């Protein structure tokens, strides 16, 4: 994997260059190398001490799995980076997942060691049939520290034994070796696990480095949980290209502004919601952000209003909105508008095919390629793509028999450009027309003071389904929370706004209001749960 090759190279030639920086802790490249030796020694000892270790998923080729499930972005990044140079498979588990999901992936995938500060997780695992080891971050660090200092022998029988020595130096491993287990879900359904080999990440870094500018010596800020694939990859690509990556457990705009200025950070990688917060922080104190050259965003749709706002406040800062899937890798990016029209990277193959189906053997029938401009399922050919999902975590199939892969994203290709329309569950059929629910939502981004909107489809005996928009009651509330504004409550204005921007079949037929739209732990709106709430009569119909 390029991360280890580059870490060793920079540590040898520029040992004092910063590699990883947290709010209160930092490691240079040379320190990261030495840190990794102590870290792997602890991990290896924990696995070897187990009398009946869990059997790791067959997709790991027998390599033990170590999971990190802590809120510290710095230590999660440090452990992932450190273990990359050894025979180890790492996984990040979001501690905010439902407990049942955490226990499920640990048991199903055969994770052997879990670094976690959650008493409830430790208790639940102890009560189960799982035979692995749970260790707190504090205890893990204490074991690491014991390998950093030699004990002075006192000659007394009660003196503690000398600590075990650190592991040998990290090395560049074979490309076919598995090294990272990722998860595609964990919030609304059982998580789907998949493995990344070192070669697949080498391929992914090659694409990222060519288009998203994680250059040598560049200081990148990547705030947010490292269990998010966007943050995790920002850490890896920065170290793989000889940069410095700055992490944060949460995004506080004022604190981030201070760090951007003090640390001379020129590149930020963050989800769109954090880009919005960054723009507002820059509006209040633009001097701290003048050195910011590039903002890279992904993981969700980028409203055009965020791009416009950032451009107004920081005209010298560029914004790239990329599209990709953790299972597949980077696919393309957008550098203007709302990010729905994507320029596909030259090394990536993309096709829109008809509705997929299951073959008798359980594989995927990719279907036929559809005409230019027609909506369908997006299939991708990429060297960075995983081979498939870990057996036992899902029956979903990632790749078709021809080697092309899909995560069921819907879209269309027109004149070589890709337009995204959401996942398969984001497409509704109404009166024989396919309607992209995210496109309905985007129409309301220019409606003043409306806030969050969720478009859903409800069953209808005549049309098959009808399009419905659900808005948050608090979105148009005044400063004192006295209630929604008249404009927000005006159904006619909401419908006229949609008619002016959407094809007739996309215009909602009903509008509801909920006190609060349901969200995942990562803040994304749960469309299916919104449908359930409306069907249960919890929404107010306008």
Protein backbone atom coordinates (compact mmCIF):
# COMPACT_ATOMS: atom_id res chain seq x y z
CA UNK A 1 0.00 0.00 0.00
CA UNK A 2 1.36 3.43 -0.89
CA UNK A 3 0.74 4.77 2.62
CA UNK A 4 3.56 2.66 4.10
CA UNK A 5 5.94 3.23 1.20
CA UNK A 6 5.48 6.99 1.46
CA UNK A 7 5.60 7.05 5.26
CA UNK A 8 8.95 5.25 5.24
CA UNK A 9 10.29 7.48 2.47
CA UNK A 10 9.27 10.75 4.14
CA UNK A 11 10.40 9.51 7.56
CA UNK A 12 13.85 8.84 6.09
CA UNK A 13 14.23 12.05 4.09
CA UNK A 14 12.10 14.56 6.02
CA UNK A 15 11.69 13.02 9.49
CA UNK A 16 10.29 16.18 11.13
CA UNK A 17 7.48 16.69 8.63
CA UNK A 18 4.10 16.46 10.30
CA UNK A 19 2.11 13.38 9.38
CA UNK A 20 -0.95 13.36 11.67
CA UNK A 21 -2.28 16.26 13.77
CA UNK A 22 -5.14 16.26 16.25
CA UNK A 23 -6.46 19.02 18.49
CA UNK A 24 -3.82 18.34 21.17
CA UNK A 25 -1.54 15.65 19.76
CA UNK A 26 0.65 15.32 16.70
CA UNK A 27 3.06 12.86 15.10
CA UNK A 28 5.83 13.51 12.60
CA UNK A 29 6.51 10.91 9.94
CA UNK A 30 9.49 9.50 11.87
CA UNK A 31 7.44 9.36 15.06
CA UNK A 32 4.62 7.60 13.21
CA UNK A 33 7.02 4.85 12.13
CA UNK A 34 8.24 4.25 15.69
CA UNK A 35 4.69 4.55 17.03
CA UNK A 36 3.52 1.86 14.62
CA UNK A 37 6.13 -0.61 15.93
CA UNK A 38 4.84 -0.33 19.49
CA UNK A 39 1.23 -0.37 18.34
CA UNK A 40 1.49 -3.54 16.28
CA UNK A 41 3.39 -5.28 19.10
CA UNK A 42 0.39 -4.65 21.37
CA UNK A 43 -2.15 -5.73 18.75
CA UNK A 44 -0.18 -8.88 17.94
CA UNK A 45 0.13 -9.75 21.63
CA UNK A 46 -3.62 -9.32 22.18
CA UNK A 47 -4.47 -11.64 19.31
CA UNK A 48 -1.88 -14.26 20.26
CA UNK A 49 -3.00 -14.35 23.90
CA UNK A 50 -6.47 -15.62 22.96
CA UNK A 51 -7.02 -19.29 23.78
CA UNK A 52 -9.88 -19.61 21.28
CA UNK A 53 -9.59 -16.69 18.85
CA UNK A 54 -12.49 -15.82 16.55
CA UNK A 55 -12.07 -17.07 13.01
CA UNK A 56 -11.70 -14.06 10.73
CA UNK A 57 -13.89 -13.86 7.62
CA UNK A 58 -12.52 -15.98 4.79
CA UNK A 59 -12.09 -12.85 2.67
CA UNK A 60 -9.21 -11.77 4.94
CA UNK A 61 -7.11 -14.82 3.98
CA UNK A 62 -6.78 -15.71 7.65
CA UNK A 63 -5.33 -12.36 8.79
CA UNK A 64 -6.66 -11.35 12.25
CA UNK A 65 -8.98 -8.34 12.31
CA UNK A 66 -8.56 -5.41 14.71
CA UNK A 67 -11.47 -2.98 15.06
CA UNK A 68 -11.30 0.58 16.39
CA UNK A 69 -14.54 1.96 17.81
CA UNK A 70 -13.66 5.17 19.65
CA UNK A 71 -14.62 8.81 19.26
CA UNK A 72 -11.01 10.03 18.98
CA UNK A 73 -10.29 10.83 15.33
CA UNK A 74 -6.58 11.19 16.08
CA UNK A 75 -6.14 7.76 17.66
CA UNK A 76 -8.39 6.02 15.15
CA UNK A 77 -6.28 7.51 12.34
CA UNK A 78 -3.04 6.69 14.15
CA UNK A 79 -3.96 3.03 14.60
CA UNK A 80 -5.20 2.58 11.02
CA UNK A 81 -2.05 4.21 9.61
CA UNK A 82 0.24 2.29 11.94
CA UNK A 83 -1.22 -1.15 11.27
CA UNK A 84 -1.01 -0.63 7.49
CA UNK A 85 2.66 -1.61 7.47
CA UNK A 86 2.07 -5.02 9.07
CA UNK A 87 0.16 -8.24 8.49
CA UNK A 88 -3.11 -6.92 9.88
CA UNK A 89 -6.65 -6.13 8.81
CA UNK A 90 -8.16 -3.00 10.36
CA UNK A 91 -11.80 -1.97 10.67
CA UNK A 92 -13.49 1.17 11.98
CA UNK A 93 -16.83 0.73 13.73
CA UNK A 94 -18.88 3.83 14.44
CA UNK A 95 -19.54 3.87 18.22
CA UNK A 96 -22.85 5.62 17.47
CA UNK A 97 -24.23 2.62 15.60
CA UNK A 98 -27.00 0.72 17.34
CA UNK A 99 -25.46 -1.77 19.76
CA UNK A 100 -27.02 -4.70 17.88
CA UNK A 101 -25.28 -3.59 14.68
CA UNK A 102 -21.91 -3.33 16.41
CA UNK A 103 -22.24 -6.78 17.97
CA UNK A 104 -23.48 -8.23 14.69
CA UNK A 105 -20.52 -7.14 12.56
CA UNK A 106 -17.99 -8.11 15.24
CA UNK A 107 -19.39 -11.62 15.54
CA UNK A 108 -20.20 -12.17 11.86
CA UNK A 109 -16.87 -11.03 10.43
CA UNK A 110 -14.70 -12.67 13.09
CA UNK A 111 -13.12 -9.51 14.48
CA UNK A 112 -10.63 -10.61 17.12
CA UNK A 113 -9.69 -7.41 18.97
CA UNK A 114 -11.93 -4.40 19.58
CA UNK A 115 -10.56 -1.12 20.93
CA UNK A 116 -13.60 0.51 22.52
CA UNK A 117 -14.52 2.73 25.47
CA UNK A 118 -18.15 1.55 25.52
CA UNK A 119 -19.02 -0.42 28.70
CA UNK A 120 -22.28 -1.58 27.13
CA UNK A 121 -20.47 -3.03 24.11
CA UNK A 122 -17.93 -4.79 26.34
CA UNK A 123 -20.70 -6.22 28.52
CA UNK A 124 -22.76 -7.38 25.55
CA UNK A 125 -19.78 -9.07 23.91
CA UNK A 126 -18.82 -10.75 27.20
CA UNK A 127 -22.35 -12.13 27.48
CA UNK A 128 -22.25 -13.50 23.93
CA UNK A 129 -20.38 -16.43 22.47
CA UNK A 130 -17.72 -14.16 20.99
CA UNK A 131 -14.22 -15.20 22.11
CA UNK A 132 -12.23 -12.10 21.19
CA UNK A 133 -10.78 -9.30 23.32
CA UNK A 134 -12.14 -5.83 24.15
CA UNK A 135 -9.67 -3.23 25.40
CA UNK A 136 -10.20 0.43 26.24
CA UNK A 137 -8.19 3.08 24.46
CA UNK A 138 -6.54 4.09 27.74
CA UNK A 139 -5.43 0.51 28.44
CA UNK A 140 -4.25 0.10 24.86
CA UNK A 141 -2.13 3.25 25.10
CA UNK A 142 -0.72 2.14 28.45
CA UNK A 143 0.48 -1.07 26.82
CA UNK A 144 2.04 0.95 24.02
CA UNK A 145 3.81 3.21 26.53
CA UNK A 146 5.23 0.17 28.29
CA UNK A 147 7.12 -0.63 25.12
CA UNK A 148 8.52 2.86 24.90
CA UNK A 149 10.40 2.79 28.19
CA UNK A 150 12.72 0.16 29.58
CA UNK A 151 12.07 -0.88 33.17
CA UNK A 152 14.97 -0.52 35.59
CA UNK A 153 15.49 -3.93 37.16
CA UNK A 154 15.41 -3.67 40.93
CA UNK A 155 16.64 -7.19 41.56
CA UNK A 156 13.68 -7.85 43.83
CA UNK A 157 11.39 -10.83 43.16
CA UNK A 158 8.36 -8.51 43.01
CA UNK A 159 9.82 -6.34 40.24
CA UNK A 160 7.70 -6.31 37.08
CA UNK A 161 9.10 -8.16 34.07
CA UNK A 162 10.74 -6.14 31.31
CA UNK A 163 8.25 -5.08 28.64
CA UNK A 164 8.13 -6.92 25.35
CA UNK A 165 10.13 -5.14 22.66
CA UNK A 166 8.47 -3.21 19.83
CA UNK A 167 7.74 -5.01 16.57
CA UNK A 168 10.18 -4.81 13.65
CA UNK A 169 9.85 -1.78 11.39
CA UNK A 170 6.81 -1.63 9.10
CA UNK A 171 7.29 -2.82 5.54
CA UNK A 172 5.62 -2.40 2.15
CA UNK A 173 3.30 -5.38 1.86
CA UNK A 174 2.18 -7.40 -1.16
CA UNK A 175 -0.58 -5.74 -3.16
CA UNK A 176 -2.98 -8.70 -3.03
CA UNK A 177 -2.97 -8.75 0.79
CA UNK A 178 -6.20 -7.62 2.50
CA UNK A 179 -5.67 -4.75 4.92
CA UNK A 180 -8.91 -2.87 5.50
CA UNK A 181 -12.48 -3.90 6.25
CA UNK A 182 -15.10 -1.24 5.56
CA UNK A 183 -18.86 -1.09 6.00
CA UNK A 184 -21.41 0.36 3.60
CA UNK A 185 -24.19 0.78 6.16
CA UNK A 186 -24.87 0.55 9.88
CA UNK A 187 -27.59 3.13 10.45
CA UNK A 188 -30.84 1.85 8.94
CA UNK A 189 -30.00 -1.80 8.19
CA UNK A 190 -27.45 -4.42 9.07
CA UNK A 191 -24.02 -3.26 7.93
CA UNK A 192 -22.52 -4.78 4.79
CA UNK A 193 -18.81 -5.46 5.17
CA UNK A 194 -16.29 -5.56 2.33
CA UNK A 195 -12.53 -5.91 2.09
CA UNK A 196 -10.01 -3.63 0.41
CA UNK A 197 -6.70 -5.06 -0.69
CA UNK A 198 -3.58 -2.95 -0.77
CA UNK A 199 -3.53 -2.95 -4.56
CA UNK A 200 -7.13 -1.72 -4.71
CA UNK A 201 -6.16 1.22 -2.52
CA UNK A 202 -3.08 1.87 -4.61
CA UNK A 203 -5.41 2.17 -7.59
CA UNK A 204 -7.76 4.44 -5.65
CA UNK A 205 -4.93 6.72 -4.51
CA UNK A 206 -3.76 6.99 -8.12
CA UNK A 207 -7.20 8.30 -9.16
CA UNK A 208 -7.53 10.62 -6.17
CA UNK A 209 -4.03 12.04 -6.57
CA UNK A 210 -4.69 12.80 -10.23
CA UNK A 211 -7.86 14.82 -9.60
CA UNK A 212 -8.31 15.89 -5.96
CA UNK A 213 -4.85 17.34 -5.29
CA UNK A 214 -3.62 15.61 -2.11
CA UNK A 215 -0.09 16.78 -2.91
CA UNK A 216 3.23 16.36 -1.17
CA UNK A 217 3.57 18.72 1.78
CA UNK A 218 -0.05 19.93 1.60
CA UNK A 219 -1.80 20.38 4.95
CA UNK A 220 -5.31 18.88 4.74
CA UNK A 221 -8.05 19.30 7.35
CA UNK A 222 -10.45 16.32 7.51
CA UNK A 223 -12.86 16.88 10.41
CA UNK A 224 -15.39 14.27 11.48
CA UNK A 225 -15.53 10.62 12.52
CA UNK A 226 -12.91 8.43 10.85
CA UNK A 227 -15.57 5.70 10.63
CA UNK A 228 -16.93 7.78 7.70
CA UNK A 229 -15.31 6.59 4.48
CA UNK A 230 -14.81 10.21 3.35
CA UNK A 231 -12.75 11.09 6.43
CA UNK A 232 -10.91 7.78 6.52
CA UNK A 233 -9.89 8.09 2.90
CA UNK A 234 -8.73 11.69 3.39
CA UNK A 235 -6.38 10.42 6.11
CA UNK A 236 -5.03 7.64 3.89
CA UNK A 237 -4.61 9.71 0.73
CA UNK A 238 -2.79 12.48 2.60
CA UNK A 239 -0.28 10.06 4.10
CA UNK A 240 0.01 8.16 0.81
CA UNK A 241 1.06 11.34 -0.98
CA UNK A 242 3.37 12.80 1.67
CA UNK A 243 1.04 15.42 3.09
CA UNK A 244 -0.03 16.33 6.62
CA UNK A 245 -3.56 15.45 7.71
CA UNK A 246 -5.31 17.36 10.50
CA UNK A 247 -8.26 15.60 12.12
CA UNK A 248 -10.97 16.65 14.57
CA UNK A 249 -13.56 14.72 16.53
CA UNK A 250 -16.23 17.25 15.59
CA UNK A 251 -16.56 20.37 13.48
CA UNK A 252 -16.60 23.56 15.49
CA UNK A 253 -16.41 26.47 12.98
CA UNK A 254 -14.53 28.84 15.28
CA UNK A 255 -11.97 26.24 16.34
CA UNK A 256 -11.52 25.09 12.74
CA UNK A 257 -10.89 28.67 11.63
CA UNK A 258 -8.17 29.04 14.25
CA UNK A 259 -6.55 25.77 13.16
CA UNK A 260 -6.73 26.60 9.45
CA UNK A 261 -4.94 29.86 10.10
CA UNK A 262 -2.40 28.64 12.67
CA UNK A 263 -1.48 25.40 10.89
CA UNK A 264 -1.45 26.94 7.39
CA UNK A 265 -4.04 24.47 6.16
CA UNK A 266 -4.76 24.94 2.45
CA UNK A 267 -7.07 21.98 1.75
CA UNK A 268 -10.24 20.80 3.51
CA UNK A 269 -12.10 17.52 2.94
CA UNK A 270 -15.59 17.50 4.46
CA UNK A 271 -19.23 16.58 3.84
CA UNK A 272 -21.46 19.35 2.37
CA UNK A 273 -23.07 20.22 5.71
CA UNK A 274 -19.65 21.08 7.14
CA UNK A 275 -18.77 23.09 4.04
CA UNK A 276 -21.85 25.21 4.72
CA UNK A 277 -20.70 25.76 8.31
CA UNK A 278 -17.19 26.59 7.10
CA UNK A 279 -18.57 29.23 4.73
CA UNK A 280 -20.53 30.89 7.54
CA UNK A 281 -17.47 30.86 9.80
CA UNK A 282 -15.46 32.50 7.02
CA UNK A 283 -18.16 35.15 6.63
CA UNK A 284 -17.71 36.12 10.29
CA UNK A 285 -13.90 36.04 10.24
CA UNK A 286 -12.57 35.90 6.65
CA UNK A 287 -8.95 36.67 7.57
CA UNK A 288 -8.48 33.21 9.09
CA UNK A 289 -9.53 31.51 5.86
CA UNK A 290 -7.63 33.52 3.24
CA UNK A 291 -4.98 30.80 2.85
CA UNK A 292 -7.56 28.12 2.06
CA UNK A 293 -7.04 27.04 -1.56
CA UNK A 294 -9.26 23.97 -2.05
CA UNK A 295 -12.35 22.41 -0.47
CA UNK A 296 -13.14 18.83 -1.47
CA UNK A 297 -16.57 17.46 -0.60
CA UNK A 298 -18.44 14.22 -1.12
CA UNK A 299 -20.67 11.72 0.62
CA UNK A 300 -23.91 13.59 -0.13
CA UNK A 301 -25.46 15.91 -2.66
CA UNK A 302 -23.92 19.39 -2.75
CA UNK A 303 -26.62 22.07 -2.94
CA UNK A 304 -25.73 24.83 -5.40
CA UNK A 305 -26.44 27.33 -2.63
CA UNK A 306 -23.41 26.06 -0.67
CA UNK A 307 -21.11 26.46 -3.68
CA UNK A 308 -22.48 29.93 -4.34
CA UNK A 309 -22.12 30.96 -0.71
CA UNK A 310 -18.54 29.75 -0.46
CA UNK A 311 -17.70 31.54 -3.72
CA UNK A 312 -19.13 34.81 -2.44
CA UNK A 313 -17.24 34.68 0.86
CA UNK A 314 -13.98 33.08 -0.30
CA UNK A 315 -13.67 33.82 -4.03
CA UNK A 316 -10.12 32.49 -4.09
CA UNK A 317 -11.10 29.07 -2.73
CA UNK A 318 -11.94 26.33 -5.22
CA UNK A 319 -14.60 23.67 -4.53
CA UNK A 320 -14.60 20.14 -5.97
CA UNK A 321 -17.57 17.87 -5.31
CA UNK A 322 -16.57 14.27 -6.01
CA UNK A 323 -18.70 11.20 -6.49
CA UNK A 324 -17.69 7.69 -5.53
CA UNK A 325 -18.67 4.64 -3.54
CA UNK A 326 -16.53 3.10 -0.82
CA UNK A 327 -16.89 -0.34 -2.39
CA UNK A 328 -15.87 0.90 -5.84
CA UNK A 329 -13.66 3.96 -5.38
CA UNK A 330 -13.61 7.43 -6.94
CA UNK A 331 -15.77 7.77 -10.06
CA UNK A 332 -15.84 11.44 -11.04
CA UNK A 333 -16.38 14.99 -9.85
CA UNK A 334 -18.23 18.24 -10.42
CA UNK A 335 -16.71 21.71 -10.27
CA UNK A 336 -19.80 23.87 -10.80
CA UNK A 337 -23.49 23.93 -9.93
CA UNK A 338 -25.08 21.49 -7.50
CA UNK A 339 -22.82 18.55 -8.21
CA UNK A 340 -25.46 16.39 -9.92
CA UNK A 341 -23.71 16.46 -13.32
CA UNK A 342 -20.49 14.50 -12.96
CA UNK A 343 -17.43 14.39 -15.19
CA UNK A 344 -16.36 10.75 -15.15
CA UNK A 345 -12.63 10.22 -14.61
CA UNK A 346 -10.78 8.88 -17.70
CA UNK A 347 -9.72 5.63 -16.02
CA UNK A 348 -13.28 4.76 -14.96
CA UNK A 349 -15.89 2.96 -17.06
CA UNK A 350 -19.54 3.92 -16.55
CA UNK A 351 -22.76 2.60 -18.09
CA UNK A 352 -26.46 3.04 -17.39
CA UNK A 353 -28.28 -0.27 -17.62
CA UNK A 354 -31.87 -1.43 -17.30
CA UNK A 355 -33.31 -2.74 -14.04
CA UNK A 356 -31.08 -5.43 -12.62
CA UNK A 357 -32.35 -8.85 -11.70
CA UNK A 358 -31.17 -12.04 -10.03
CA UNK A 359 -29.97 -15.00 -12.05
CA UNK A 360 -30.83 -18.55 -11.01
CA UNK A 361 -27.32 -18.93 -9.61
CA UNK A 362 -27.81 -15.96 -7.29
CA UNK A 363 -25.58 -13.63 -9.27
CA UNK A 364 -26.55 -10.33 -10.85
CA UNK A 365 -27.98 -9.91 -14.31
CA UNK A 366 -26.72 -6.43 -15.23
CA UNK A 367 -29.39 -5.90 -17.86
CA UNK A 368 -28.97 -4.06 -21.15
CA UNK A 369 -27.42 -0.64 -21.60
CA UNK A 370 -30.13 2.00 -22.03
CA UNK A 371 -30.21 4.82 -24.62
CA UNK A 372 -28.41 8.09 -23.91
CA UNK A 373 -30.31 10.22 -21.41
CA UNK A 374 -32.54 7.44 -20.09
CA UNK A 375 -32.74 6.77 -16.36
CA UNK A 376 -31.40 3.46 -15.07
CA UNK A 377 -28.93 1.70 -12.79
CA UNK A 378 -25.32 2.90 -12.82
CA UNK A 379 -22.66 0.23 -13.37
CA UNK A 380 -18.97 0.99 -12.93
CA UNK A 381 -15.71 -0.63 -14.00
CA UNK A 382 -12.81 0.46 -11.78
CA UNK A 383 -9.51 -1.14 -10.79
CA UNK A 384 -10.07 -0.01 -7.18
CA UNK A 385 -13.34 -1.95 -6.83
CA UNK A 386 -13.64 -4.54 -4.05
CA UNK A 387 -14.30 -8.13 -5.08
CA UNK A 388 -17.56 -8.34 -3.16
CA UNK A 389 -19.20 -8.23 0.25
CA UNK A 390 -18.08 -10.31 3.21
CA UNK A 391 -20.08 -13.53 3.39
CA UNK A 392 -22.59 -13.49 6.20
CA UNK A 393 -23.08 -9.73 6.38
CA UNK A 394 -25.40 -9.55 3.34
CA UNK A 395 -26.62 -11.53 0.35
CA UNK A 396 -26.14 -8.48 -1.91
CA UNK A 397 -23.83 -8.98 -4.89
CA UNK A 398 -21.49 -6.16 -5.82
CA UNK A 399 -20.15 -7.33 -9.18
CA UNK A 400 -21.87 -8.80 -12.19
CA UNK A 401 -20.42 -11.72 -14.18
CA UNK A 402 -18.68 -9.25 -16.52
CA UNK A 403 -16.72 -7.65 -13.65
CA UNK A 404 -18.73 -4.40 -13.65
CA UNK A 405 -20.13 -3.34 -10.25
CA UNK A 406 -23.08 -1.39 -8.87
CA UNK A 407 -24.23 -0.09 -5.51
CA UNK A 408 -27.69 0.51 -7.04
CA UNK A 409 -27.20 4.22 -7.66
CA UNK A 410 -29.58 5.53 -10.29
CA UNK A 411 -28.72 8.04 -12.97
CA UNK A 412 -28.45 8.91 -16.63
CA UNK A 413 -25.56 9.61 -18.99
CA UNK A 414 -25.99 12.41 -21.52
CA UNK A 415 -23.23 13.66 -23.81
CA UNK A 416 -20.70 11.77 -21.72
CA UNK A 417 -21.76 13.41 -18.45
CA UNK A 418 -23.26 11.46 -15.56
CA UNK A 419 -26.29 12.81 -13.72
CA UNK A 420 -27.12 11.16 -10.41
CA UNK A 421 -30.72 10.50 -9.41
CA UNK A 422 -30.29 8.72 -6.07
CA UNK A 423 -30.35 5.09 -4.97
CA UNK A 424 -32.88 2.56 -6.25
CA UNK A 425 -35.16 3.44 -3.32
CA UNK A 426 -35.02 7.09 -4.40
CA UNK A 427 -36.85 6.42 -7.69
CA UNK A 428 -40.66 6.46 -7.76
CA UNK A 429 -42.99 5.37 -10.55
CA UNK A 430 -46.00 7.65 -10.89
CA UNK A 431 -48.39 7.43 -13.81
CA UNK A 432 -45.81 5.41 -15.74
CA UNK A 433 -43.08 8.05 -15.26
CA UNK A 434 -39.83 7.52 -13.35
CA UNK A 435 -39.30 10.33 -10.85
CA UNK A 436 -36.07 10.97 -8.95
CA UNK A 437 -37.03 12.01 -5.42
CA UNK A 438 -33.68 13.79 -4.82
CA UNK A 439 -34.42 15.94 -7.90
CA UNK A 440 -37.71 16.99 -6.29
CA UNK A 441 -35.83 17.94 -3.12
CA UNK A 442 -33.23 19.95 -5.03
CA UNK A 443 -35.97 22.09 -6.54
CA UNK A 444 -36.66 23.48 -3.08
CA UNK A 445 -33.06 24.46 -2.32
CA UNK A 446 -33.81 27.95 -3.69
CA UNK A 447 -36.94 28.40 -1.57
CA UNK A 448 -36.07 30.95 1.12
CA UNK A 449 -36.09 29.84 4.76
CA UNK A 450 -37.50 26.40 4.01
CA UNK A 451 -34.70 24.31 5.48
CA UNK A 452 -34.77 20.52 5.15
CA UNK A 453 -37.15 18.79 2.75
CA UNK A 454 -37.76 15.09 2.13
CA UNK A 455 -39.57 13.86 -0.99
CA UNK A 456 -41.36 10.52 -0.68
CA UNK A 457 -43.72 8.36 -2.72
CA UNK A 458 -47.03 7.11 -1.32
CA UNK A 459 -49.09 4.31 -2.85
CA UNK A 460 -51.94 5.43 -5.09
CA UNK A 461 -54.47 3.09 -6.76
CA UNK A 462 -54.70 5.17 -9.93
CA UNK A 463 -51.10 6.30 -10.52
CA UNK A 464 -49.19 3.56 -8.69
CA UNK A 465 -47.71 6.20 -6.41
CA UNK A 466 -47.89 9.94 -5.87
CA UNK A 467 -45.08 12.36 -5.05
CA UNK A 468 -45.26 13.95 -1.61
CA UNK A 469 -43.00 16.54 0.03
CA UNK A 470 -42.43 16.56 3.80
CA UNK A 471 -40.92 19.65 5.44
CA UNK A 472 -39.66 20.24 8.95
CA UNK A 473 -41.96 22.35 11.08
CA UNK A 474 -39.02 24.08 12.75
CA UNK A 475 -37.44 25.10 9.44
CA UNK A 476 -39.36 28.34 9.12
CA UNK A 477 -39.62 29.15 12.82
CA UNK A 478 -38.73 32.61 14.00
CA UNK A 479 -35.87 33.41 16.32
CA UNK A 480 -38.05 32.85 19.36
CA UNK A 481 -39.51 29.61 17.99
CA UNK A 482 -42.95 31.20 17.68
CA UNK A 483 -43.92 29.04 14.73
CA UNK A 484 -43.37 28.59 11.02
CA UNK A 485 -43.41 31.58 8.74
CA UNK A 486 -46.42 32.29 6.56
CA UNK A 487 -44.39 31.57 3.44
CA UNK A 488 -43.40 28.11 4.66
CA UNK A 489 -47.02 27.33 5.56
CA UNK A 490 -48.32 28.48 2.16
CA UNK A 491 -49.07 25.32 0.17
CA UNK A 492 -49.84 27.27 -2.99
CA UNK A 493 -46.44 29.00 -2.93
CA UNK A 494 -44.67 25.67 -2.38
CA UNK A 495 -46.46 24.04 -5.32
CA UNK A 496 -45.93 27.00 -7.62
CA UNK A 497 -42.23 26.93 -6.77
CA UNK A 498 -42.07 23.28 -7.85
CA UNK A 499 -44.10 23.84 -11.04
CA UNK A 500 -41.69 26.54 -12.16
CA UNK A 501 -38.70 24.20 -11.82
CA UNK A 502 -39.86 20.64 -12.41
CA UNK A 503 -41.54 18.56 -15.08
CA UNK A 504 -45.25 18.02 -14.31
CA UNK A 505 -44.79 14.43 -13.10
CA UNK A 506 -42.20 15.61 -10.56
CA UNK A 507 -44.47 18.21 -8.93
CA UNK A 508 -45.69 16.96 -5.52
CA UNK A 509 -49.40 16.31 -5.08
CA UNK A 510 -49.36 16.64 -1.31
CA UNK A 511 -47.29 18.51 1.27
CA UNK A 512 -46.89 17.48 4.88
CA UNK A 513 -45.06 18.88 7.87
CA UNK A 514 -43.24 16.97 10.59
CA UNK A 515 -41.80 18.41 13.77
CA UNK A 516 -38.51 16.70 12.96
CA UNK A 517 -37.44 14.61 9.99
CA UNK A 518 -35.86 11.29 11.04
CA UNK A 519 -32.11 11.07 10.48
CA UNK A 520 -29.27 8.61 10.62
CA UNK A 521 -26.48 9.04 13.18
CA UNK A 522 -24.55 10.78 10.39
CA UNK A 523 -27.33 13.34 9.85
CA UNK A 524 -28.81 12.01 6.59
CA UNK A 525 -32.60 12.01 6.32
CA UNK A 526 -34.22 8.56 6.48
CA UNK A 527 -36.64 8.46 3.57
CA UNK A 528 -38.27 5.10 4.41
CA UNK A 529 -38.85 6.11 8.03
CA UNK A 530 -40.36 9.40 6.84
CA UNK A 531 -42.87 7.38 4.81
CA UNK A 532 -43.75 5.34 7.90
CA UNK A 533 -44.34 8.47 9.98
CA UNK A 534 -46.64 9.97 7.36
CA UNK A 535 -48.55 6.69 6.96
CA UNK A 536 -48.97 6.54 10.75
CA UNK A 537 -50.66 9.95 10.67
CA UNK A 538 -47.88 11.83 12.45
CA UNK A 539 -47.52 14.51 9.79
CA UNK A 540 -49.66 17.63 9.38
CA UNK A 541 -51.06 17.91 5.86
CA UNK A 542 -51.01 21.42 4.43
